C-alpha atoms as a PDB file:
ATOM      1  CA  MET A   1      15.003 -11.605 -12.085  1.00  0.00           C
ATOM      2  CA  GLU A   2      17.748  -9.566 -10.387  1.00  0.00           C
ATOM      3  CA  LYS A   3      19.946 -11.403  -8.442  1.00  0.00           C
ATOM      4  CA  LYS A   4      19.275  -9.655  -5.374  1.00  0.00           C
ATOM      5  CA  SER A   5      15.534 -10.543  -5.959  1.00  0.00           C
ATOM      6  CA  GLU A   6      16.314 -14.217  -6.523  1.00  0.00           C
ATOM      7  CA  ASN A   7      18.302 -14.476  -3.299  1.00  0.00           C
ATOM      8  CA  PHE A   8      15.413 -12.810  -1.325  1.00  0.00           C
ATOM      9  CA  VAL A   9      12.954 -15.185  -2.675  1.00  0.00           C
ATOM     10  CA  ASN A  10      15.188 -18.254  -1.904  1.00  0.00           C
ATOM     11  CA  ARG A  11      15.833 -16.836   1.470  1.00  0.00           C
ATOM     12  CA  MET A  12      12.244 -16.449   2.327  1.00  0.00           C
ATOM     13  CA  ASN A  13      11.483 -19.965   0.984  1.00  0.00           C
ATOM     14  CA  ARG A  14      13.808 -21.601   3.342  1.00  0.00           C
ATOM     15  CA  MET A  15      12.591 -19.697   6.124  1.00  0.00           C
ATOM     16  CA  GLY A  16       9.123 -20.313   5.551  1.00  0.00           C
ATOM     17  CA  HIS A  17       9.965 -24.264   5.083  1.00  0.00           C
ATOM     18  CA  LYS A  18      11.681 -24.329   8.261  1.00  0.00           C
ATOM     19  CA  GLY A  19       9.228 -22.431  10.262  1.00  0.00           C
ATOM     20  CA  ILE A  20      11.593 -19.511  11.275  1.00  0.00           C
ATOM     21  CA  PRO A  21       9.894 -16.282  11.620  1.00  0.00           C
ATOM     22  CA  PHE A  22      10.757 -13.336   9.543  1.00  0.00           C
ATOM     23  CA  LEU A  23      10.025  -9.411   8.703  1.00  0.00           C
ATOM     24  CA  PHE A  24      10.253  -8.738   5.168  1.00  0.00           C
ATOM     25  CA  MET A  25       9.873  -5.378   2.883  1.00  0.00           C
ATOM     26  CA  ILE A  26       9.887  -5.060  -1.192  1.00  0.00           C
ATOM     27  CA  ASP A  27      10.115  -1.726  -2.653  1.00  0.00           C
ATOM     28  CA  TYR A  28       7.988  -0.970  -5.810  1.00  0.00           C
ATOM     29  CA  GLU A  29      10.516  -1.789  -8.261  1.00  0.00           C
ATOM     30  CA  MET A  30      11.895  -4.827  -6.341  1.00  0.00           C
ATOM     31  CA  LEU A  31      15.507  -3.591  -6.538  1.00  0.00           C
ATOM     32  CA  LYS A  32      15.978  -3.697  -2.579  1.00  0.00           C
ATOM     33  CA  PRO A  33      14.124  -6.150  -1.087  1.00  0.00           C
ATOM     34  CA  LYS A  34      15.064  -6.966   2.419  1.00  0.00           C
ATOM     35  CA  ILE A  35      14.152 -10.101   5.019  1.00  0.00           C
ATOM     36  CA  TYR A  36      15.455  -9.934   8.587  1.00  0.00           C
ATOM     37  CA  PRO A  37      14.722 -12.862  11.189  1.00  0.00           C
ATOM     38  CA  LEU A  38      11.889 -11.430  13.446  1.00  0.00           C
ATOM     39  CA  GLY A  39      13.869 -11.129  16.519  1.00  0.00           C
ATOM     40  CA  GLU A  40      16.682  -9.026  15.031  1.00  0.00           C
ATOM     41  CA  SER A  41      14.476  -6.167  13.574  1.00  0.00           C
ATOM     42  CA  ALA A  42      14.445  -4.039  16.536  1.00  0.00           C
ATOM     43  CA  LYS A  43      18.254  -4.382  17.066  1.00  0.00           C
ATOM     44  CA  ARG A  44      18.325  -2.956  13.669  1.00  0.00           C
ATOM     45  CA  ARG A  45      15.948   0.159  14.466  1.00  0.00           C
ATOM     46  CA  ILE A  46      13.252  -1.552  12.365  1.00  0.00           C
ATOM     47  CA  PHE A  47       9.943  -1.458  14.535  1.00  0.00           C
ATOM     48  CA  TYR A  48       6.750  -2.720  13.353  1.00  0.00           C
ATOM     49  CA  SER A  49       3.093  -3.214  14.362  1.00  0.00           C
ATOM     50  CA  VAL A  50       1.054  -5.839  12.473  1.00  0.00           C
ATOM     51  CA  ASN A  51      -2.545  -6.121  13.453  1.00  0.00           C
ATOM     52  CA  GLY A  52      -1.444  -5.871  17.055  1.00  0.00           C
ATOM     53  CA  LEU A  53       1.730  -7.961  16.797  1.00  0.00           C
ATOM     54  CA  ARG A  54       4.634  -5.596  17.574  1.00  0.00           C
ATOM     55  CA  ASN A  55       8.426  -5.505  18.618  1.00  0.00           C
ATOM     56  CA  PHE A  56       8.358  -2.418  20.806  1.00  0.00           C
ATOM     57  CA  SER A  57       7.308  -1.472  24.348  1.00  0.00           C
ATOM     58  CA  GLU A  58       8.643   1.783  25.112  1.00  0.00           C
ATOM     59  CA  THR A  59       7.231   4.888  23.972  1.00  0.00           C
ATOM     60  CA  LEU A  60       8.294   8.601  23.956  1.00  0.00           C
ATOM     61  CA  SER A  61       6.629  10.454  26.720  1.00  0.00           C
ATOM     62  CA  ASP A  62       6.977  14.300  25.549  1.00  0.00           C
ATOM     63  CA  ILE A  63       3.489  13.945  23.441  1.00  0.00           C
ATOM     64  CA  LYS A  64       2.953  17.533  22.103  1.00  0.00           C
ATOM     65  CA  PRO A  65      -0.089  18.222  19.825  1.00  0.00           C
ATOM     66  CA  LEU A  66       0.489  17.762  16.240  1.00  0.00           C
ATOM     67  CA  ILE A  67       1.514  20.473  13.804  1.00  0.00           C
ATOM     68  CA  PHE A  68       1.092  19.367  10.303  1.00  0.00           C
ATOM     69  CA  SER A  69       0.943  21.329   7.254  1.00  0.00           C
ATOM     70  CA  LYS A  70       1.489  20.160   3.645  1.00  0.00           C
ATOM     71  CA  HIS A  71       2.672  21.764   0.525  1.00  0.00           C
ATOM     72  CA  PRO A  72       1.411  19.639  -2.539  1.00  0.00           C
ATOM     73  CA  VAL A  73       2.150  19.942  -6.041  1.00  0.00           C
ATOM     74  CA  ASP A  74       0.300  22.539  -7.953  1.00  0.00           C
ATOM     75  CA  TYR A  75      -2.668  21.598  -9.922  1.00  0.00           C
ATOM     76  CA  THR A  76      -0.986  22.576 -13.167  1.00  0.00           C
ATOM     77  CA  THR A  77       1.887  20.143 -12.994  1.00  0.00           C
ATOM     78  CA  TYR A  78      -0.448  17.550 -11.646  1.00  0.00           C
ATOM     79  CA  ARG A  79      -2.620  18.385 -14.798  1.00  0.00           C
ATOM     80  CA  ILE A  80       0.091  17.646 -17.029  1.00  0.00           C
ATOM     81  CA  SER A  81       0.966  13.976 -15.771  1.00  0.00           C
ATOM     82  CA  TYR A  82      -2.746  13.340 -15.770  1.00  0.00           C
ATOM     83  CA  GLU A  83      -2.917  14.098 -19.319  1.00  0.00           C
ATOM     84  CA  LYS A  84      -0.082  11.674 -20.137  1.00  0.00           C
ATOM     85  CA  VAL A  85      -2.174   8.918 -18.495  1.00  0.00           C
ATOM     86  CA  LEU A  86      -5.374   9.845 -19.977  1.00  0.00           C
ATOM     87  CA  LYS A  87      -3.674   9.797 -23.357  1.00  0.00           C
ATOM     88  CA  GLU A  88      -2.688   6.292 -22.650  1.00  0.00           C
ATOM     89  CA  LEU A  89      -6.212   5.359 -21.346  1.00  0.00           C
ATOM     90  CA  ARG A  90      -7.629   6.708 -24.711  1.00  0.00           C
ATOM     91  CA  PHE A  91      -5.235   4.792 -26.671  1.00  0.00           C
ATOM     92  CA  GLY A  92      -6.350   1.386 -24.696  1.00  0.00           C
ATOM     93  CA  ASN A  93      -3.037   0.754 -23.354  1.00  0.00           C
ATOM     94  CA  THR A  94      -4.272   0.646 -19.834  1.00  0.00           C
ATOM     95  CA  PHE A  95      -7.434   0.847 -18.211  1.00  0.00           C
ATOM     96  CA  LEU A  96      -6.552   1.963 -14.644  1.00  0.00           C
ATOM     97  CA  THR A  97      -3.510   3.814 -13.570  1.00  0.00           C
ATOM     98  CA  ASN A  98      -2.465   4.572 -10.095  1.00  0.00           C
ATOM     99  CA  LEU A  99      -0.913   7.909 -10.689  1.00  0.00           C
ATOM    100  CA  THR A 100       1.105   9.442  -7.494  1.00  0.00           C
ATOM    101  CA  PHE A 101       3.206  12.384  -6.127  1.00  0.00           C
ATOM    102  CA  PRO A 102       5.539  13.705  -3.389  1.00  0.00           C
ATOM    103  CA  THR A 103       4.157  16.230  -1.245  1.00  0.00           C
ATOM    104  CA  GLU A 104       6.557  18.092   0.870  1.00  0.00           C
ATOM    105  CA  ILE A 105       5.072  18.323   4.620  1.00  0.00           C
ATOM    106  CA  GLU A 106       6.359  19.881   7.586  1.00  0.00           C
ATOM    107  CA  THR A 107       5.672  18.623  11.486  1.00  0.00           C
ATOM    108  CA  ASN A 108       6.693  18.854  14.672  1.00  0.00           C
ATOM    109  CA  TRP A 109       6.577  15.316  15.506  1.00  0.00           C
ATOM    110  CA  SER A 110       9.558  12.800  14.611  1.00  0.00           C
ATOM    111  CA  LEU A 111       9.135   9.839  12.461  1.00  0.00           C
ATOM    112  CA  ARG A 112       9.305   7.828  15.619  1.00  0.00           C
ATOM    113  CA  ARG A 113       6.626   9.814  17.414  1.00  0.00           C
ATOM    114  CA  ILE A 114       4.371   9.170  14.022  1.00  0.00           C
ATOM    115  CA  PHE A 115       4.779   5.908  14.132  1.00  0.00           C
ATOM    116  CA  GLU A 116       4.145   5.276  17.924  1.00  0.00           C
ATOM    117  CA  ASN A 117       0.782   7.666  17.590  1.00  0.00           C
ATOM    118  CA  SER A 118      -0.462   6.246  14.168  1.00  0.00           C
ATOM    119  CA  ASN A 119      -3.718   4.303  14.232  1.00  0.00           C
ATOM    120  CA  ALA A 120      -3.727   1.983  11.467  1.00  0.00           C
ATOM    121  CA  PRO A 121      -3.504  -2.233  11.560  1.00  0.00           C
ATOM    122  CA  TYR A 122      -0.102  -2.112   9.732  1.00  0.00           C
ATOM    123  CA  ARG A 123       2.657   0.149  10.830  1.00  0.00           C
ATOM    124  CA  LEU A 124       6.221   0.309  10.137  1.00  0.00           C
ATOM    125  CA  LEU A 125       9.302   2.699  11.221  1.00  0.00           C
ATOM    126  CA  PHE A 126      12.527   1.874   9.258  1.00  0.00           C
ATOM    127  CA  LYS A 127      15.417   3.469  11.264  1.00  0.00           C
ATOM    128  CA  ASP A 128      15.081   7.290  10.654  1.00  0.00           C
ATOM    129  CA  GLU A 129      14.614   6.942   7.083  1.00  0.00           C
ATOM    130  CA  PHE A 130      10.766   6.645   6.646  1.00  0.00           C
ATOM    131  CA  VAL A 131       7.651   5.426   8.542  1.00  0.00           C
ATOM    132  CA  LEU A 132       4.193   4.166   7.351  1.00  0.00           C
ATOM    133  CA  PHE A 133       0.861   3.694   8.933  1.00  0.00           C
ATOM    134  CA  SER A 134      -1.236   1.591   6.200  1.00  0.00           C
ATOM    135  CA  PRO A 135      -4.787   0.709   6.315  1.00  0.00           C
ATOM    136  CA  GLU A 136      -4.538  -1.749   3.201  1.00  0.00           C
ATOM    137  CA  SER A 137      -3.686  -5.411   3.573  1.00  0.00           C
ATOM    138  CA  PHE A 138      -1.784  -6.997   0.644  1.00  0.00           C
ATOM    139  CA  ILE A 139      -2.217 -10.619   1.437  1.00  0.00           C
ATOM    140  CA  ARG A 140      -2.594 -12.837   4.485  1.00  0.00           C
ATOM    141  CA  ILE A 141      -1.925 -16.501   4.561  1.00  0.00           C
ATOM    142  CA  ALA A 142      -3.323 -18.812   7.114  1.00  0.00           C
ATOM    143  CA  ASN A 143      -3.982 -22.560   7.225  1.00  0.00           C
ATOM    144  CA  GLY A 144      -3.264 -22.810   3.650  1.00  0.00           C
ATOM    145  CA  ILE A 145      -5.810 -19.951   2.687  1.00  0.00           C
ATOM    146  CA  ILE A 146      -4.366 -16.639   0.939  1.00  0.00           C
ATOM    147  CA  SER A 147      -6.747 -13.617   1.164  1.00  0.00           C
ATOM    148  CA  SER A 148      -6.505 -10.187  -0.228  1.00  0.00           C
ATOM    149  CA  TYR A 149      -8.427  -6.938   0.619  1.00  0.00           C
ATOM    150  CA  PRO A 150      -7.801  -4.249  -2.404  1.00  0.00           C
ATOM    151  CA  MET A 151      -9.063  -0.682  -1.407  1.00  0.00           C
ATOM    152  CA  LYS A 152     -10.089   1.505  -4.232  1.00  0.00           C
ATOM    153  CA  GLY A 153     -12.509   4.200  -3.813  1.00  0.00           C
ATOM    154  CA  THR A 154     -11.966   7.237  -1.030  1.00  0.00           C
ATOM    155  CA  ILE A 155     -14.325  10.102   0.100  1.00  0.00           C
ATOM    156  CA  ASP A 156     -14.265  12.637   2.825  1.00  0.00           C
ATOM    157  CA  ALA A 157     -16.719  11.440   5.114  1.00  0.00           C
ATOM    158  CA  SER A 158     -18.407  15.002   5.934  1.00  0.00           C
ATOM    159  CA  VAL A 159     -19.531  14.911   2.371  1.00  0.00           C
ATOM    160  CA  PRO A 160     -23.515  14.704   2.798  1.00  0.00           C
ATOM    161  CA  GLY A 161     -24.650  11.089   1.768  1.00  0.00           C
ATOM    162  CA  ALA A 162     -20.836  10.210   1.050  1.00  0.00           C
ATOM    163  CA  ARG A 163     -21.286   6.616   1.753  1.00  0.00           C
ATOM    164  CA  GLU A 164     -24.164   6.472  -0.947  1.00  0.00           C
ATOM    165  CA  ILE A 165     -22.043   8.550  -3.249  1.00  0.00           C
ATOM    166  CA  VAL A 166     -18.695   6.225  -3.263  1.00  0.00           C
ATOM    167  CA  LEU A 167     -20.832   3.442  -3.486  1.00  0.00           C
ATOM    168  CA  THR A 168     -23.007   4.341  -6.364  1.00  0.00           C
ATOM    169  CA  ASP A 169     -20.266   6.723  -8.327  1.00  0.00           C
ATOM    170  CA  GLU A 170     -19.646   5.068 -11.853  1.00  0.00           C
ATOM    171  CA  LYS A 171     -16.117   5.847 -11.868  1.00  0.00           C
ATOM    172  CA  GLU A 172     -15.536   4.254  -8.309  1.00  0.00           C
ATOM    173  CA  MET A 173     -17.468   1.557  -9.241  1.00  0.00           C
ATOM    174  CA  ALA A 174     -15.794   0.508 -12.457  1.00  0.00           C
ATOM    175  CA  GLU A 175     -12.371   1.372 -10.878  1.00  0.00           C
ATOM    176  CA  HIS A 176     -13.057  -1.283  -7.804  1.00  0.00           C
ATOM    177  CA  ALA A 177     -14.447  -4.003 -10.397  1.00  0.00           C
ATOM    178  CA  THR A 178     -10.923  -3.443 -12.376  1.00  0.00           C
ATOM    179  CA  ILE A 179      -8.997  -3.945  -9.335  1.00  0.00           C
ATOM    180  CA  VAL A 180     -11.123  -6.819  -7.833  1.00  0.00           C
ATOM    181  CA  ASP A 181     -10.851  -8.760 -11.445  1.00  0.00           C
ATOM    182  CA  LEU A 182      -6.918  -8.233 -11.474  1.00  0.00           C
ATOM    183  CA  ILE A 183      -6.704  -9.374  -8.035  1.00  0.00           C
ATOM    184  CA  ARG A 184      -8.758 -12.330  -8.450  1.00  0.00           C
ATOM    185  CA  ASN A 185      -6.548 -13.212 -11.734  1.00  0.00           C
ATOM    186  CA  ASP A 186      -3.294 -12.717  -9.783  1.00  0.00           C
ATOM    187  CA  LEU A 187      -4.287 -15.006  -6.971  1.00  0.00           C
ATOM    188  CA  SER A 188      -5.421 -17.680  -9.425  1.00  0.00           C
ATOM    189  CA  MET A 189      -1.711 -17.701 -10.436  1.00  0.00           C
ATOM    190  CA  VAL A 190      -0.744 -19.084  -7.391  1.00  0.00           C
ATOM    191  CA  ALA A 191      -4.258 -20.796  -5.774  1.00  0.00           C
ATOM    192  CA  ARG A 192      -7.217 -22.589  -6.708  1.00  0.00           C
ATOM    193  CA  ASP A 193     -10.908 -22.019  -5.857  1.00  0.00           C
ATOM    194  CA  VAL A 194     -10.476 -18.215  -6.042  1.00  0.00           C
ATOM    195  CA  THR A 195     -13.641 -16.593  -4.904  1.00  0.00           C
ATOM    196  CA  VAL A 196     -14.620 -12.879  -4.149  1.00  0.00           C
ATOM    197  CA  LYS A 197     -15.710 -13.492  -0.460  1.00  0.00           C
ATOM    198  CA  LYS A 198     -17.258  -9.878   0.180  1.00  0.00           C
ATOM    199  CA  TYR A 199     -17.367  -7.054  -2.526  1.00  0.00           C
ATOM    200  CA  ARG A 200     -17.338  -3.290  -1.894  1.00  0.00           C
ATOM    201  CA  TYR A 201     -17.776  -2.775   1.985  1.00  0.00           C
ATOM    202  CA  VAL A 202     -16.839   0.474   3.445  1.00  0.00           C
ATOM    203  CA  GLU A 203     -14.530   0.916   6.129  1.00  0.00           C
ATOM    204  CA  GLU A 204     -13.905   4.242   8.328  1.00  0.00           C
ATOM    205  CA  ILE A 205     -10.467   5.612   8.540  1.00  0.00           C
ATOM    206  CA  ILE A 206      -9.730   8.495  11.048  1.00  0.00           C
ATOM    207  CA  ALA A 207      -6.950  10.858   9.950  1.00  0.00           C
ATOM    208  CA  HIS A 208      -5.808  13.883  11.777  1.00  0.00           C
ATOM    209  CA  ASP A 209      -7.737  16.545   9.975  1.00  0.00           C
ATOM    210  CA  LYS A 210     -10.974  14.730   8.620  1.00  0.00           C
ATOM    211  CA  THR A 211     -12.445  11.189   8.366  1.00  0.00           C
ATOM    212  CA  LEU A 212     -12.144   9.348   5.277  1.00  0.00           C
ATOM    213  CA  LEU A 213     -14.450   6.405   3.951  1.00  0.00           C
ATOM    214  CA  GLN A 214     -12.443   3.638   1.821  1.00  0.00           C
ATOM    215  CA  VAL A 215     -14.206   1.036  -0.142  1.00  0.00           C
ATOM    216  CA  SER A 216     -12.565  -2.795  -0.001  1.00  0.00           C
ATOM    217  CA  SER A 217     -13.272  -6.154  -1.039  1.00  0.00           C
ATOM    218  CA  GLU A 218     -12.115  -9.402   0.250  1.00  0.00           C
ATOM    219  CA  ILE A 219     -10.777 -12.208  -2.320  1.00  0.00           C
ATOM    220  CA  SER A 220      -9.594 -15.682  -0.990  1.00  0.00           C
ATOM    221  CA  GLY A 221      -8.039 -19.004  -2.614  1.00  0.00           C
ATOM    222  CA  ARG A 222      -6.628 -21.968  -1.484  1.00  0.00           C
ATOM    223  CA  LEU A 223      -2.860 -22.871  -1.638  1.00  0.00           C
ATOM    224  CA  PRO A 224      -0.982 -25.962  -2.525  1.00  0.00           C
ATOM    225  CA  SER A 225       0.077 -27.819   0.476  1.00  0.00           C
ATOM    226  CA  ASP A 226       3.764 -26.886   0.400  1.00  0.00           C
ATOM    227  CA  TYR A 227       3.133 -23.543   0.414  1.00  0.00           C
ATOM    228  CA  LYS A 228       5.372 -22.600   3.115  1.00  0.00           C
ATOM    229  CA  SER A 229       8.323 -23.870   1.124  1.00  0.00           C
ATOM    230  CA  ASN A 230       7.307 -20.986  -1.460  1.00  0.00           C
ATOM    231  CA  LEU A 231       6.410 -18.003   0.422  1.00  0.00           C
ATOM    232  CA  GLY A 232       8.778 -15.787  -1.538  1.00  0.00           C
ATOM    233  CA  THR A 233       7.972 -17.452  -4.720  1.00  0.00           C
ATOM    234  CA  ILE A 234       4.081 -16.514  -4.144  1.00  0.00           C
ATOM    235  CA  ILE A 235       4.796 -12.911  -2.876  1.00  0.00           C
ATOM    236  CA  THR A 236       6.663 -11.780  -5.624  1.00  0.00           C
ATOM    237  CA  ARG A 237       4.645 -13.521  -8.078  1.00  0.00           C
ATOM    238  CA  LEU A 238       1.871 -11.278  -7.091  1.00  0.00           C
ATOM    239  CA  LEU A 239       3.807  -7.675  -7.369  1.00  0.00           C
ATOM    240  CA  PRO A 240       3.288  -5.199  -7.782  1.00  0.00           C
ATOM    241  CA  ALA A 241       0.053  -4.858  -5.695  1.00  0.00           C
ATOM    242  CA  GLY A 242      -2.749  -4.300  -8.338  1.00  0.00           C
ATOM    243  CA  SER A 243      -4.386  -1.480  -6.153  1.00  0.00           C
ATOM    244  CA  ILE A 244      -1.490   0.682  -6.349  1.00  0.00           C
ATOM    245  CA  CYS A 245      -0.325  -0.003  -9.908  1.00  0.00           C
ATOM    246  CA  GLY A 246      -3.402  -0.572 -12.090  1.00  0.00           C
ATOM    247  CA  ALA A 247      -4.337  -2.913 -15.199  1.00  0.00           C
ATOM    248  CA  PRO A 248      -3.246  -4.525 -17.259  1.00  0.00           C
ATOM    249  CA  LYS A 249      -0.113  -4.602 -14.936  1.00  0.00           C
ATOM    250  CA  GLU A 250       3.017  -4.572 -17.383  1.00  0.00           C
ATOM    251  CA  SER A 251       1.889  -1.776 -19.692  1.00  0.00           C
ATOM    252  CA  THR A 252       0.666   0.392 -16.754  1.00  0.00           C
ATOM    253  CA  GLN A 253       3.955   0.173 -15.014  1.00  0.00           C
ATOM    254  CA  LYS A 254       5.557   1.563 -17.965  1.00  0.00           C
ATOM    255  CA  ILE A 255       2.968   4.558 -18.030  1.00  0.00           C
ATOM    256  CA  ILE A 256       3.452   5.243 -14.443  1.00  0.00           C
ATOM    257  CA  LYS A 257       7.317   5.779 -14.787  1.00  0.00           C
ATOM    258  CA  GLU A 258       6.690   8.014 -17.765  1.00  0.00           C
ATOM    259  CA  ALA A 259       3.979  10.044 -15.886  1.00  0.00           C
ATOM    260  CA  GLU A 260       5.107  10.081 -12.649  1.00  0.00           C
ATOM    261  CA  GLY A 261       8.889  11.166 -13.221  1.00  0.00           C
ATOM    262  CA  TYR A 262      10.344  10.104  -9.849  1.00  0.00           C
ATOM    263  CA  SER A 263      11.412   7.130  -7.799  1.00  0.00           C
ATOM    264  CA  ARG A 264       8.684   5.673  -5.793  1.00  0.00           C
ATOM    265  CA  GLY A 265      11.050   3.685  -3.631  1.00  0.00           C
ATOM    266  CA  TYR A 266       9.709   1.622  -1.064  1.00  0.00           C
ATOM    267  CA  TYR A 267       6.206   3.447  -1.410  1.00  0.00           C
ATOM    268  CA  THR A 268       3.798   1.173  -2.784  1.00  0.00           C
ATOM    269  CA  GLY A 269       5.985  -1.708  -2.229  1.00  0.00           C
ATOM    270  CA  VAL A 270       4.730  -4.516   0.295  1.00  0.00           C
ATOM    271  CA  PHE A 271       5.918  -5.212   4.099  1.00  0.00           C
ATOM    272  CA  GLY A 272       5.046  -8.025   6.417  1.00  0.00           C
ATOM    273  CA  LEU A 273       6.104 -10.866   8.876  1.00  0.00           C
ATOM    274  CA  PHE A 274       5.628 -14.424   9.135  1.00  0.00           C
ATOM    275  CA  ASP A 275       5.516 -15.809  12.744  1.00  0.00           C
ATOM    276  CA  GLY A 276       6.095 -19.437  11.694  1.00  0.00           C
ATOM    277  CA  TYR A 277       2.321 -20.062  11.105  1.00  0.00           C
ATOM    278  CA  ILE A 278       0.799 -16.901   9.646  1.00  0.00           C
ATOM    279  CA  LEU A 279       1.921 -14.453   6.936  1.00  0.00           C
ATOM    280  CA  ASP A 280       0.540 -10.868   7.286  1.00  0.00           C
ATOM    281  CA  SER A 281       1.237  -8.062   4.849  1.00  0.00           C
ATOM    282  CA  ALA A 282       0.589  -4.459   3.724  1.00  0.00           C
ATOM    283  CA  VAL A 283       0.693  -2.492   0.933  1.00  0.00           C
ATOM    284  CA  MET A 284       3.480   0.519   1.702  1.00  0.00           C
ATOM    285  CA  ILE A 285       0.805   3.645   1.678  1.00  0.00           C
ATOM    286  CA  ARG A 286       0.209   6.460   4.102  1.00  0.00           C
ATOM    287  CA  TYR A 287       3.961   6.841   3.756  1.00  0.00           C
ATOM    288  CA  ILE A 288       6.424   9.492   5.102  1.00  0.00           C
ATOM    289  CA  GLU A 289      10.044   9.395   3.591  1.00  0.00           C
ATOM    290  CA  LYS A 290      13.072  11.668   4.891  1.00  0.00           C
ATOM    291  CA  SER A 291      15.473  12.744   2.250  1.00  0.00           C
ATOM    292  CA  GLU A 292      17.846  15.640   2.567  1.00  0.00           C
ATOM    293  CA  ASN A 293      16.206  16.791   5.811  1.00  0.00           C
ATOM    294  CA  LYS A 294      12.726  17.241   4.373  1.00  0.00           C
ATOM    295  CA  LEU A 295       9.866  15.046   4.841  1.00  0.00           C
ATOM    296  CA  TRP A 296       7.962  13.796   1.726  1.00  0.00           C
ATOM    297  CA  TYR A 297       4.845  12.257   2.027  1.00  0.00           C
ATOM    298  CA  LYS A 298       3.744  10.302  -1.046  1.00  0.00           C
ATOM    299  CA  SER A 299       0.209   9.672  -2.207  1.00  0.00           C
ATOM    300  CA  GLY A 300      -2.002   9.098  -5.456  1.00  0.00           C
ATOM    301  CA  GLY A 301      -5.114   7.680  -6.565  1.00  0.00           C
ATOM    302  CA  GLY A 302      -6.562   5.470  -9.554  1.00  0.00           C
ATOM    303  CA  ILE A 303      -7.145   7.291 -12.915  1.00  0.00           C
ATOM    304  CA  THR A 304      -9.887   5.873 -15.378  1.00  0.00           C
ATOM    305  CA  ILE A 305     -11.290   7.377 -18.359  1.00  0.00           C
ATOM    306  CA  LEU A 306     -14.102   8.656 -16.403  1.00  0.00           C
ATOM    307  CA  SER A 307     -11.994  10.453 -13.896  1.00  0.00           C
ATOM    308  CA  ASN A 308     -12.345  14.080 -12.892  1.00  0.00           C
ATOM    309  CA  PRO A 309      -8.905  15.718 -12.753  1.00  0.00           C
ATOM    310  CA  GLU A 310     -10.063  18.077  -9.883  1.00  0.00           C
ATOM    311  CA  LYS A 311     -11.276  15.285  -7.923  1.00  0.00           C
ATOM    312  CA  GLU A 312      -8.467  13.021  -8.419  1.00  0.00           C
ATOM    313  CA  TYR A 313      -5.991  16.205  -7.320  1.00  0.00           C
ATOM    314  CA  ARG A 314      -8.299  16.670  -4.258  1.00  0.00           C
ATOM    315  CA  GLU A 315      -8.065  12.776  -3.467  1.00  0.00           C
ATOM    316  CA  LEU A 316      -4.199  12.906  -3.458  1.00  0.00           C
ATOM    317  CA  ILE A 317      -3.874  15.864  -1.241  1.00  0.00           C
ATOM    318  CA  ASP A 318      -6.790  14.202   1.055  1.00  0.00           C
ATOM    319  CA  LYS A 319      -4.372  11.401   1.371  1.00  0.00           C
ATOM    320  CA  VAL A 320      -1.716  13.342   2.943  1.00  0.00           C
ATOM    321  CA  TYR A 321      -2.527  12.925   6.697  1.00  0.00           C
ATOM    322  CA  VAL A 322      -1.665  11.480  10.069  1.00  0.00           C
ATOM    323  CA  ALA A 323      -3.799   8.700  11.346  1.00  0.00           C
ATOM    324  CA  THR A 324      -3.726   9.688  14.994  1.00  0.00           C
ATOM    325  CA  HIS A 325      -5.338   7.860  17.890  1.00  0.00           C
END
C-alpha cells in the first residue's frame, strides 16, 4: 500500500475510534485519498450534501435556465475500446468490465450552480475542480450493520415497457447478478451474516432531458464490535467499488486501464462522511471535472459477453446529464 494511503487509513481509524466526525474522498486508483474534520470542509471550499446532511446554506440567486450540450467520443473510437474488452471477455479474463469515457460538455451553469440544483442523495463540490451528484450509495454503516446498494441496469423510462424490459433483459440480469455476487463476497471479507435483503428493485432518476430507470439491490452484514476503530481499513478493503470496476476485480482493473487509456481520477472513487455514529458514502459517478478551462463529464457502463455495442454506447451518452430539481 502506498504510504499516503496507509496514512489515510490510519487517520480514519483513529478518528473513527475517537468518534470525530469527518469527510473523506478516495480516488479510483487510491493515489490521492483525502480526509478532513467535518467542520473544516466548508473553509476549504468543499461542500457536500449526503442524504440531507449538508454544510452550506447560502445559494446563488441568479437562476438561469440550464443550457447543456454534450460532445461524446465518436462510435468508432468507442468500438475500438469495446472490442478490447470483448476480447478479454472471450478469453475468460473478465466476466464484467465497466468501460468509461470522458465526454466534453458545454453549459451556462457553473459547477457551484450544478451542485446546488442537482437532485441526488449524494452531492459533492470540490473547490472549482469537480462536482458530482451521485444516485449510488457505496456503503452505509449504522449500529454495526454494513449495507451496500449496487446499481446495475439502466434504461430510458420513455421506452415502451421500460421497467419490464430492464428487469427481464438477459444481459442486464446476468450483469446485475455478477455484481451482487461480487459485493456479497466483498462484504464477507469484513462482516458476517451477509445476506441479500432486496434484489433488483427499480428506482427513477430524473435528468434534465429525460427520466431514467435504474436497477439496484441491497446487501447487508454485521461488523465486529470494534468496527469504529477500523473504518479506514474496512472502506479500503472494499475498493474499488464493484459496480464501477467489474469481476474479477484484479484482472478487470488491468483491462480497464488498457481499454480506457485515460485517468479516471476521482471519478468512480468514493466519498462520504462520518457524523460520529453513522458512516454514509457514495460511488463518485455523475461526475463533471474542470480541466484546462473545459468541462468533462465521465460516464460508462458494464460490458458482458451478451452486450450490444450500440446499446452500450447509447447508455454512456444517456448518463451524461444534470439531475435538476
